[in-house]
Amino acid sequence: MKKKMIFVLITLLLFVFIVPSVYCQETEKPNYKGSGKGEAIMFDLFFLRPLGIISCGVGLATAIIGAPFIAGRPEARDIGDALLNEPGNFAVIRPLGEY
């Protein structure tokens, strides 16, 4: 009788400690993969926007230095667009996270 009781108690203790841990396991792994939009916005905000602002300054300096050489020519407007408008649109007007 004593041996049966010890066997039953040991079996119950094993079930108490093993069975709940088996039921606690996840059946499916959760999907933590995001859309990547947050990373794109942060990359744009911290790296691309400052580079766009720097390129605006470089383009302005280049336009000022080159102004005497292109004055009166028909392609002066194209050069102004390339040196000033495009970097300005990239740095200021473009929505965050869209390249």
Protein backbone atom coordinates (compact mmCIF):
# COMPACT_ATOMS: atom_id res chain seq x y z
CA MET A 1 0.00 0.00 0.00
CA LYS A 2 2.81 2.38 0.85
CA LYS A 3 4.61 1.68 -2.45
CA LYS A 4 1.44 2.38 -4.42
CA MET A 5 0.93 5.66 -2.60
CA ILE A 6 4.54 6.77 -3.28
CA PHE A 7 4.17 5.81 -6.96
CA VAL A 8 0.91 7.78 -7.26
CA LEU A 9 2.45 10.83 -5.52
CA ILE A 10 5.54 10.79 -7.75
CA THR A 11 3.37 10.43 -10.86
CA LEU A 12 1.14 13.33 -9.75
CA LEU A 13 4.16 15.53 -9.04
CA LEU A 14 5.60 14.78 -12.47
CA PHE A 15 2.30 15.71 -14.12
CA VAL A 16 2.06 18.87 -12.04
CA PHE A 17 5.47 20.11 -13.18
CA ILE A 18 5.66 18.75 -16.76
CA VAL A 19 2.15 19.08 -18.18
CA PRO A 20 1.64 22.84 -17.53
CA SER A 21 4.95 23.68 -19.20
CA VAL A 22 3.87 21.73 -22.27
CA TYR A 23 0.61 23.68 -22.50
CA CYS A 24 2.43 27.00 -22.14
CA GLN A 25 4.31 26.58 -25.39
CA GLU A 26 3.09 28.66 -28.31
CA THR A 27 1.61 26.75 -31.19
CA GLU A 28 2.45 29.44 -33.75
CA LYS A 29 5.33 31.85 -33.76
CA PRO A 30 4.14 35.45 -33.81
CA ASN A 31 5.02 37.48 -36.87
CA TYR A 32 7.07 40.49 -35.82
CA LYS A 33 7.95 41.49 -39.35
CA GLY A 34 6.87 45.05 -39.93
CA SER A 35 6.28 47.04 -43.07
CA GLY A 36 9.63 48.83 -42.86
CA LYS A 37 7.96 52.21 -43.11
CA GLY A 38 9.29 53.37 -39.73
CA GLU A 39 12.86 52.54 -40.66
CA ALA A 40 12.48 54.36 -43.97
CA ILE A 41 11.13 57.46 -42.22
CA MET A 42 13.95 57.46 -39.65
CA PHE A 43 16.60 56.98 -42.36
CA ASP A 44 15.06 59.80 -44.36
CA LEU A 45 14.79 62.13 -41.36
CA PHE A 46 18.25 61.59 -39.92
CA PHE A 47 20.37 61.03 -43.04
CA LEU A 48 18.72 62.03 -46.30
CA ARG A 49 17.11 65.30 -45.19
CA PRO A 50 20.37 66.74 -43.80
CA LEU A 51 22.17 65.67 -46.97
CA GLY A 52 19.46 67.37 -49.01
CA ILE A 53 19.89 70.59 -47.03
CA ILE A 54 23.66 70.43 -47.50
CA SER A 55 23.17 69.90 -51.23
CA CYS A 56 20.93 72.99 -51.29
CA GLY A 57 23.80 75.02 -49.83
CA VAL A 58 26.33 73.55 -52.27
CA GLY A 59 23.96 74.18 -55.18
CA LEU A 60 23.40 77.79 -54.07
CA ALA A 61 27.14 78.40 -53.78
CA THR A 62 27.71 76.85 -57.20
CA ALA A 63 24.93 78.96 -58.72
CA ILE A 64 26.37 82.15 -57.23
CA ILE A 65 29.89 81.33 -58.43
CA GLY A 66 28.68 80.31 -61.89
CA ALA A 67 26.19 83.17 -62.33
CA PRO A 68 28.56 85.47 -64.25
CA PHE A 69 29.40 82.67 -66.68
CA ILE A 70 25.81 81.69 -67.51
CA ALA A 71 24.12 85.11 -67.43
CA GLY A 72 21.99 85.79 -70.48
CA ARG A 73 22.07 82.23 -71.80
CA PRO A 74 18.87 80.28 -72.41
CA GLU A 75 20.06 77.30 -70.36
CA ALA A 76 20.46 79.44 -67.23
CA ARG A 77 16.97 78.45 -66.08
CA ASP A 78 17.79 74.75 -66.50
CA ILE A 79 20.96 75.15 -64.47
CA GLY A 80 19.02 76.98 -61.75
CA ASP A 81 16.46 74.19 -61.64
CA ALA A 82 19.18 71.54 -61.40
CA LEU A 83 21.19 73.35 -58.71
CA LEU A 84 18.42 74.88 -56.58
CA ASN A 85 14.95 73.44 -57.22
CA GLU A 86 15.75 69.73 -57.32
CA PRO A 87 17.72 69.65 -54.03
CA GLY A 88 15.10 71.92 -52.44
CA ASN A 89 12.27 69.63 -53.48
CA PHE A 90 14.22 66.61 -52.24
CA ALA A 91 14.99 68.18 -48.86
CA VAL A 92 11.77 70.04 -48.06
CA ILE A 93 8.73 69.19 -50.19
CA ARG A 94 9.04 65.40 -50.56
CA PRO A 95 7.04 63.35 -47.97
CA LEU A 96 9.01 61.55 -45.29
CA GLY A 97 10.06 58.02 -46.15
CA GLU A 98 9.49 58.36 -49.90
CA TYR A 99 12.59 58.51 -52.02
